[in-house]
Amino acid sequence: MMSSAPVFPQTHGAAYMDVQNTAYVEVSGIVQDGRTSLPIEGASVLATWVATTNGLHTSTPHCLRIAGAQTDAQGRFSISAPASDIFRRGQVQPHVEVHIYKNGFIEHDGEPARTMSHTDTTGLSLAALSQGAMLTRRHLSLGMRLFPYQLDAHERLRYLGRISQPPTDCATHGAPRETFNYFDAIANEANRLAHTQYEQALAAIITERGRNAGGSSVLARDAEAKVMNAYYAASEELDDLNRRDRQDRTPLMRAANAGDAALVTELLRKGANPNRTRPESFSDSALTIAMENYGLQKIYRDVRAEKYLAVIATLLNNSTIDPNLRDDKVHPTPLMKARSRGQDVVVDLLLRAGAMAGTPMNAQIHPNLAKYDLP
């Protein structure tokens, strides 16, 4: 779940790759409570201007500018950018990525959380004229809705980690204080929530990101690697059922990957959460990790396939598991994955566990998932 969205130009197909004379000179909007429609004051907003240039065989994205703002008492914000900072000759796919953060809130994946409109004016630009047209100066207006979050502390921390991933190597910057405020607000909440060694490492990374927002990508990677390498080297919290390894797997995911149904049972008895996920589209949870291994063993007619089937059954017998779980709403559900792989036994187990099936659900998720529909 991400509280950010790129705002792309309204072009489609091959035209999307054409050189464009558009500059998003202003991003403004209003942030409201999704339940009450009341304005949310003090929300932190981060805007990143991005465009791509095409080479002979490659395309290169560029961060043109990063800038921040906070909402006022009416929930409103406005971020302006000089056209000369955000327009480049030869650019394609110009867009603005807008991130929003407020302590205690989340932007729902399943809700129509944003509306968008824009007005255009034209102006002179030598770079645009060299491409045969005037510069289109676009003023973007957003309506954004946030909802109180219901994540536990661990998932909230991982969510904060996702929305705090900063752009790097940005050519220009807005007021440093406004940009820093976005990351600082997230870091403050992260440090309040962090208790275990793993969670403290996540909070340290989030804190570090604010110091390098828009800066060197090399320095950013090195700083984060240093924090996590120290965690992996020193972590001895074996009773932490939510700790992660270098593949972002919990102990329950590792047990599922090993096909160890007895260990899976023991970890569930101790309170391991079977609904933890990681950003891997086809093996994003303990359940789908076991399903993937089951499918591989079936292909090779390996007797070890039954071990993974036992793990799948054990997980689905747990009363707390969500049989429709996936890390991202545009990814297939476990049922879709089982059907696409011809895992009829797993399909039956998922349906018995309450997995949803049918076109209406899939159509709401993404049109490309229709191929996974059950008859």
Protein backbone atom coordinates (compact mmCIF):
# COMPACT_ATOMS: atom_id res chain seq x y z
CA MET A 1 0.00 0.00 0.00
CA MET A 2 1.41 3.27 -1.09
CA SER A 3 0.37 6.81 -0.33
CA SER A 4 1.72 8.07 -3.60
CA ALA A 5 0.72 8.16 -7.21
CA PRO A 6 2.33 9.34 -10.41
CA VAL A 7 0.34 11.91 -12.36
CA PHE A 8 0.85 11.15 -16.03
CA PRO A 9 -0.06 13.25 -19.04
CA GLN A 10 -3.31 12.33 -20.74
CA THR A 11 -1.72 10.63 -23.74
CA HIS A 12 -1.97 7.02 -24.78
CA GLY A 13 -0.26 4.40 -26.92
CA ALA A 14 2.70 5.42 -29.05
CA ALA A 15 1.95 9.11 -28.42
CA TYR A 16 2.97 8.57 -24.81
CA MET A 17 6.56 8.11 -26.01
CA ASP A 18 6.56 11.28 -28.13
CA VAL A 19 8.59 14.29 -27.07
CA GLN A 20 6.28 16.58 -25.10
CA ASN A 21 6.32 20.32 -24.41
CA THR A 22 4.59 20.14 -21.03
CA ALA A 23 5.77 21.45 -17.67
CA TYR A 24 3.81 20.86 -14.46
CA VAL A 25 4.47 24.29 -12.97
CA GLU A 26 2.08 23.90 -10.03
CA VAL A 27 0.70 21.03 -7.99
CA SER A 28 -2.06 22.00 -5.58
CA GLY A 29 -4.87 20.23 -3.81
CA ILE A 30 -6.91 19.51 -0.74
CA VAL A 31 -6.50 16.60 1.68
CA GLN A 32 -9.61 15.36 3.47
CA ASP A 33 -10.61 12.71 5.98
CA GLY A 34 -12.19 9.98 3.86
CA ARG A 35 -14.84 9.23 6.48
CA THR A 36 -16.00 12.73 7.34
CA SER A 37 -14.79 14.83 4.36
CA LEU A 38 -13.30 17.27 6.90
CA PRO A 39 -9.97 18.89 5.93
CA ILE A 40 -6.79 17.38 7.34
CA GLU A 41 -4.39 19.99 8.63
CA GLY A 42 -0.66 19.34 8.91
CA ALA A 43 -0.40 16.54 6.33
CA SER A 44 3.05 16.38 4.74
CA VAL A 45 3.17 16.44 0.94
CA LEU A 46 6.13 15.56 -1.27
CA ALA A 47 6.17 16.18 -5.02
CA THR A 48 8.76 14.76 -7.40
CA TRP A 49 8.97 15.88 -11.02
CA VAL A 50 10.17 13.10 -13.32
CA ALA A 51 10.74 12.80 -17.07
CA THR A 52 12.46 10.35 -19.38
CA THR A 53 14.87 10.82 -22.24
CA ASN A 54 15.25 8.21 -24.97
CA GLY A 55 18.57 7.00 -26.31
CA LEU A 56 19.24 4.72 -29.23
CA HIS A 57 18.45 1.55 -27.28
CA THR A 58 17.58 2.74 -23.78
CA SER A 59 15.35 5.11 -21.86
CA THR A 60 16.66 7.04 -18.87
CA PRO A 61 14.39 8.48 -16.15
CA HIS A 62 15.45 11.76 -14.56
CA CYS A 63 14.42 13.33 -11.27
CA LEU A 64 14.07 16.98 -12.24
CA ARG A 65 12.96 18.41 -8.91
CA ILE A 66 11.86 17.49 -5.40
CA ALA A 67 9.83 19.82 -3.18
CA GLY A 68 7.52 19.60 -0.19
CA ALA A 69 4.66 21.37 1.56
CA GLN A 70 2.22 20.99 4.44
CA THR A 71 -1.55 21.34 4.37
CA ASP A 72 -3.12 24.36 6.07
CA ALA A 73 -6.21 24.52 8.31
CA GLN A 74 -8.41 24.01 5.24
CA GLY A 75 -6.40 20.96 4.17
CA ARG A 76 -4.95 22.82 1.19
CA PHE A 77 -1.42 22.84 -0.21
CA SER A 78 0.35 24.28 -3.23
CA ILE A 79 3.80 23.55 -4.63
CA SER A 80 5.16 25.57 -7.54
CA ALA A 81 8.17 24.93 -9.73
CA PRO A 82 9.97 27.15 -12.25
CA ALA A 83 9.40 25.85 -15.77
CA SER A 84 13.14 26.07 -16.42
CA ASP A 85 13.75 23.54 -13.61
CA ILE A 86 11.23 20.92 -14.73
CA PHE A 87 11.32 21.06 -18.51
CA ARG A 88 14.06 19.50 -20.60
CA ARG A 89 14.46 19.39 -24.35
CA GLY A 90 13.76 15.87 -25.62
CA GLN A 91 11.77 14.75 -22.57
CA VAL A 92 9.01 12.15 -22.76
CA GLN A 93 6.61 10.88 -20.10
CA PRO A 94 6.76 14.02 -17.92
CA HIS A 95 4.82 13.49 -14.71
CA VAL A 96 4.66 14.36 -11.04
CA GLU A 97 4.74 11.78 -8.25
CA VAL A 98 2.78 13.08 -5.26
CA HIS A 99 3.24 11.48 -1.83
CA ILE A 100 1.08 12.27 1.19
CA TYR A 101 1.66 11.42 4.85
CA LYS A 102 -0.26 12.07 8.04
CA ASN A 103 0.33 10.34 11.37
CA GLY A 104 -2.45 7.83 12.00
CA PHE A 105 -3.73 7.81 8.40
CA ILE A 106 -3.31 5.80 5.23
CA GLU A 107 -4.45 6.20 1.66
CA HIS A 108 -6.57 3.11 0.97
CA ASP A 109 -5.72 0.93 -2.03
CA GLY A 110 -9.32 -0.13 -2.45
CA GLU A 111 -10.83 3.35 -2.22
CA PRO A 112 -11.21 6.01 -4.93
CA ALA A 113 -8.84 8.17 -2.93
CA ARG A 114 -7.82 10.77 -5.52
CA THR A 115 -9.42 13.07 -8.04
CA MET A 116 -7.48 15.10 -10.57
CA SER A 117 -8.03 18.06 -12.86
CA HIS A 118 -5.78 20.58 -14.57
CA THR A 119 -5.72 23.88 -16.40
CA ASP A 120 -3.20 24.80 -19.07
CA THR A 121 -1.63 28.03 -20.23
CA THR A 122 1.05 28.53 -22.87
CA GLY A 123 4.30 30.43 -22.66
CA LEU A 124 7.57 31.01 -24.42
CA SER A 125 10.44 28.59 -23.94
CA LEU A 126 13.49 28.32 -26.15
CA ALA A 127 13.74 24.61 -25.37
CA ALA A 128 10.11 24.08 -26.38
CA LEU A 129 10.42 26.26 -29.49
CA SER A 130 13.39 24.17 -30.59
CA GLN A 131 10.93 21.28 -30.68
CA GLY A 132 8.45 23.25 -32.79
CA ALA A 133 5.86 24.33 -30.21
CA MET A 134 5.07 26.66 -27.35
CA LEU A 135 5.47 25.39 -23.78
CA THR A 136 2.32 24.10 -22.10
CA ARG A 137 2.36 25.23 -18.47
CA ARG A 138 0.14 22.81 -16.58
CA HIS A 139 -1.50 23.60 -13.23
CA LEU A 140 -2.49 20.35 -11.56
CA SER A 141 -5.20 20.14 -8.89
CA LEU A 142 -5.69 17.05 -6.72
CA GLY A 143 -8.34 15.94 -4.29
CA MET A 144 -6.91 13.41 -1.81
CA ARG A 145 -8.62 11.33 0.86
CA LEU A 146 -6.93 9.65 3.81
CA PHE A 147 -8.40 7.06 6.18
CA PRO A 148 -7.42 5.99 9.72
CA TYR A 149 -5.15 2.99 9.40
CA GLN A 150 -5.85 -0.41 10.95
CA LEU A 151 -2.40 -1.93 10.51
CA ASP A 152 -0.53 -3.40 13.46
CA ALA A 153 2.75 -1.75 14.43
CA HIS A 154 4.90 -4.08 12.31
CA GLU A 155 2.89 -3.57 9.11
CA ARG A 156 2.64 0.16 9.76
CA LEU A 157 6.43 0.35 10.00
CA ARG A 158 6.83 -1.50 6.71
CA TYR A 159 4.27 0.83 5.14
CA LEU A 160 6.23 3.84 6.41
CA GLY A 161 9.34 2.28 4.89
CA ARG A 162 7.63 2.12 1.49
CA ILE A 163 6.33 5.69 1.45
CA SER A 164 9.66 7.07 2.68
CA GLN A 165 11.70 5.78 -0.25
CA PRO A 166 13.18 9.04 -1.53
CA PRO A 167 13.93 10.05 -5.09
CA THR A 168 17.65 10.40 -5.72
CA ASP A 169 19.96 12.34 -8.02
CA CYS A 170 17.43 15.18 -8.37
CA ALA A 171 18.58 18.13 -10.49
CA THR A 172 16.83 20.85 -8.45
CA HIS A 173 15.27 21.19 -5.02
CA GLY A 174 12.53 23.22 -3.42
CA ALA A 175 12.87 24.66 0.09
CA PRO A 176 15.00 22.12 2.02
CA ARG A 177 12.97 22.50 5.22
CA GLU A 178 9.68 21.55 3.55
CA THR A 179 11.24 18.49 1.95
CA PHE A 180 12.89 17.42 5.18
CA ASN A 181 9.62 17.84 7.11
CA TYR A 182 8.00 15.05 5.05
CA PHE A 183 10.71 12.52 5.92
CA ASP A 184 11.13 13.79 9.48
CA ALA A 185 7.43 13.32 10.24
CA ILE A 186 7.56 9.72 8.99
CA ALA A 187 10.77 9.03 10.92
CA ASN A 188 9.25 10.33 14.16
CA GLU A 189 6.35 7.89 13.91
CA ALA A 190 8.66 5.04 12.89
CA ASN A 191 10.92 5.53 15.90
CA ARG A 192 7.91 5.60 18.23
CA LEU A 193 6.64 2.29 16.84
CA ALA A 194 9.96 0.41 16.68
CA HIS A 195 10.62 -2.08 19.47
CA THR A 196 12.39 -5.16 18.09
CA GLN A 197 15.84 -5.12 16.51
CA TYR A 198 14.33 -5.52 13.04
CA GLU A 199 11.87 -2.68 13.60
CA GLN A 200 14.62 -0.44 14.97
CA ALA A 201 16.69 -1.13 11.85
CA LEU A 202 13.73 -0.10 9.68
CA ALA A 203 13.28 3.09 11.71
CA ALA A 204 17.01 3.87 11.36
CA ILE A 205 16.77 3.54 7.57
CA ILE A 206 13.71 5.80 7.44
CA THR A 207 15.56 8.39 9.55
CA GLU A 208 18.61 8.19 7.28
CA ARG A 209 16.51 8.75 4.15
CA GLY A 210 15.52 12.24 5.22
CA ARG A 211 19.17 13.26 5.30
CA ASN A 212 19.74 12.31 1.66
CA ALA A 213 16.39 13.04 -0.01
CA GLY A 214 17.02 13.95 -3.63
CA GLY A 215 20.75 13.39 -3.21
CA SER A 216 23.21 10.78 -4.41
CA SER A 217 21.73 7.35 -5.13
CA VAL A 218 25.10 5.76 -4.31
CA LEU A 219 25.22 7.37 -0.87
CA ALA A 220 21.61 6.39 -0.22
CA ARG A 221 22.23 2.73 -1.07
CA ASP A 222 25.42 2.62 0.98
CA ALA A 223 23.74 4.15 4.04
CA GLU A 224 20.84 1.69 3.97
CA ALA A 225 23.10 -1.28 3.33
CA LYS A 226 25.23 -0.32 6.33
CA VAL A 227 22.19 -0.30 8.63
CA MET A 228 20.77 -3.62 7.42
CA ASN A 229 24.15 -5.38 7.32
CA ALA A 230 24.65 -4.42 10.96
CA TYR A 231 21.19 -5.81 11.78
CA TYR A 232 21.82 -9.13 9.98
CA ALA A 233 25.19 -9.50 11.67
CA ALA A 234 23.98 -8.76 15.20
CA SER A 235 20.37 -9.94 15.30
CA GLU A 236 19.83 -12.61 17.96
CA GLU A 237 16.15 -11.98 18.66
CA LEU A 238 15.07 -15.51 17.82
CA ASP A 239 11.78 -14.99 19.66
CA ASP A 240 10.83 -12.20 17.25
CA LEU A 241 8.38 -13.95 14.92
CA ASN A 242 8.35 -10.94 12.58
CA ARG A 243 12.11 -10.64 11.98
CA ARG A 244 13.20 -10.73 8.35
CA ASP A 245 16.15 -12.26 6.52
CA ARG A 246 17.95 -10.90 3.46
CA GLN A 247 15.16 -12.21 1.23
CA ASP A 248 12.62 -10.31 3.35
CA ARG A 249 11.22 -13.57 4.73
CA THR A 250 9.78 -14.10 8.20
CA PRO A 251 10.52 -17.33 10.13
CA LEU A 252 7.12 -18.64 8.99
CA MET A 253 7.98 -17.94 5.35
CA ARG A 254 11.29 -19.75 5.75
CA ALA A 255 9.57 -22.76 7.31
CA ALA A 256 7.07 -22.79 4.43
CA ASN A 257 9.95 -22.59 1.94
CA ALA A 258 11.56 -25.62 3.61
CA GLY A 259 8.32 -27.62 3.45
CA ASP A 260 8.41 -28.11 7.21
CA ALA A 261 4.76 -28.48 8.23
CA ALA A 262 5.69 -29.31 11.85
CA LEU A 263 7.68 -26.08 12.23
CA VAL A 264 4.89 -24.12 10.52
CA THR A 265 2.45 -25.57 13.07
CA GLU A 266 4.76 -24.65 15.95
CA LEU A 267 5.30 -21.09 14.73
CA LEU A 268 1.57 -20.57 14.27
CA ARG A 269 1.02 -21.91 17.80
CA LYS A 270 3.50 -19.33 19.11
CA GLY A 271 1.60 -16.55 17.35
CA ALA A 272 3.32 -16.13 13.99
CA ASN A 273 1.16 -14.06 11.66
CA PRO A 274 0.42 -15.95 8.39
CA ASN A 275 -0.67 -12.70 6.73
CA ARG A 276 2.76 -11.08 6.55
CA THR A 277 3.84 -10.32 2.98
CA ARG A 278 6.87 -9.28 0.99
CA PRO A 279 7.07 -7.54 -2.42
CA GLU A 280 7.37 -10.67 -4.57
CA SER A 281 4.42 -11.07 -6.94
CA PHE A 282 4.30 -14.89 -7.05
CA SER A 283 5.79 -15.77 -3.65
CA ASP A 284 4.68 -12.89 -1.46
CA SER A 285 3.56 -14.81 1.66
CA ALA A 286 4.16 -18.08 3.49
CA LEU A 287 1.16 -19.55 1.64
CA THR A 288 2.28 -18.58 -1.86
CA ILE A 289 5.89 -19.56 -1.13
CA ALA A 290 4.64 -23.05 -0.30
CA MET A 291 2.41 -23.02 -3.40
CA GLU A 292 5.32 -22.08 -5.65
CA ASN A 293 7.49 -24.88 -4.24
CA TYR A 294 4.61 -27.34 -4.51
CA GLY A 295 4.21 -26.45 -8.19
CA LEU A 296 7.92 -26.88 -8.90
CA GLN A 297 8.05 -30.28 -7.21
CA LYS A 298 4.95 -31.41 -9.11
CA ILE A 299 6.59 -30.48 -12.41
CA TYR A 300 9.54 -32.74 -11.59
CA ARG A 301 7.25 -35.39 -10.05
CA ASP A 302 9.21 -35.14 -6.85
CA VAL A 303 7.76 -36.86 -3.80
CA ARG A 304 8.63 -33.75 -1.78
CA ALA A 305 5.58 -32.07 -3.32
CA GLU A 306 3.47 -33.65 -0.61
CA LYS A 307 5.49 -31.79 2.04
CA TYR A 308 4.49 -28.47 0.55
CA LEU A 309 0.88 -29.56 0.17
CA ALA A 310 0.89 -30.32 3.91
CA VAL A 311 2.24 -26.83 4.61
CA ILE A 312 -0.49 -25.28 2.42
CA ALA A 313 -3.18 -27.25 4.26
CA THR A 314 -1.71 -26.29 7.65
CA LEU A 315 -1.68 -22.59 6.79
CA LEU A 316 -5.22 -22.63 5.38
CA ASN A 317 -6.50 -24.43 8.49
CA ASN A 318 -5.33 -21.51 10.60
CA SER A 319 -8.32 -19.38 11.56
CA THR A 320 -6.47 -16.07 11.13
CA ILE A 321 -5.22 -16.53 7.57
CA ASP A 322 -6.60 -14.40 4.75
CA PRO A 323 -6.95 -16.77 1.75
CA ASN A 324 -7.12 -13.77 -0.60
CA LEU A 325 -3.85 -12.28 0.66
CA ARG A 326 -1.40 -10.56 -1.72
CA ASP A 327 1.21 -7.86 -1.21
CA ASP A 328 -0.23 -5.60 -3.91
CA LYS A 329 -3.80 -5.36 -5.19
CA VAL A 330 -2.65 -5.59 -8.83
CA HIS A 331 -1.05 -8.99 -8.15
CA PRO A 332 -2.99 -12.23 -8.57
CA THR A 333 -4.60 -13.72 -5.46
CA PRO A 334 -3.50 -17.18 -4.25
CA LEU A 335 -6.58 -18.66 -5.95
CA MET A 336 -5.66 -17.05 -9.26
CA LYS A 337 -2.12 -18.38 -8.96
CA ALA A 338 -3.29 -21.90 -8.13
CA ARG A 339 -5.69 -21.95 -11.08
CA SER A 340 -3.11 -20.59 -13.54
CA ARG A 341 -0.70 -23.36 -12.46
CA GLY A 342 -3.29 -26.12 -12.70
CA GLN A 343 -3.08 -26.84 -8.95
CA ASP A 344 -6.58 -28.29 -8.61
CA VAL A 345 -6.00 -29.67 -5.11
CA VAL A 346 -4.82 -26.25 -3.92
CA VAL A 347 -7.79 -24.55 -5.61
CA ASP A 348 -10.11 -26.82 -3.63
CA LEU A 349 -8.28 -26.07 -0.35
CA LEU A 350 -8.45 -22.32 -1.01
CA LEU A 351 -12.16 -22.40 -1.81
CA ARG A 352 -12.83 -24.38 1.36
CA ALA A 353 -10.88 -21.72 3.29
CA GLY A 354 -13.12 -18.97 1.89
CA ALA A 355 -11.14 -17.70 -1.09
CA MET A 356 -13.18 -15.42 -3.33
CA ALA A 357 -13.72 -16.44 -6.94
CA GLY A 358 -15.41 -14.95 -9.95
CA THR A 359 -15.16 -12.20 -12.51
CA PRO A 360 -16.64 -9.33 -10.44
CA MET A 361 -13.79 -9.45 -7.93
CA ASN A 362 -11.11 -9.71 -10.59
CA ALA A 363 -12.56 -6.96 -12.76
CA GLN A 364 -12.43 -4.58 -9.81
CA ILE A 365 -8.77 -5.39 -9.23
CA HIS A 366 -7.35 -5.11 -12.74
CA PRO A 367 -8.61 -6.07 -16.23
CA ASN A 368 -5.46 -8.10 -16.91
CA LEU A 369 -6.44 -10.52 -14.12
CA ALA A 370 -9.53 -11.77 -16.02
CA LYS A 371 -7.50 -14.72 -17.28
CA TYR A 372 -7.40 -16.06 -13.73
CA ASP A 373 -11.21 -16.12 -13.33
CA LEU A 374 -12.84 -19.37 -12.37
CA PRO A 375 -15.68 -20.56 -14.63
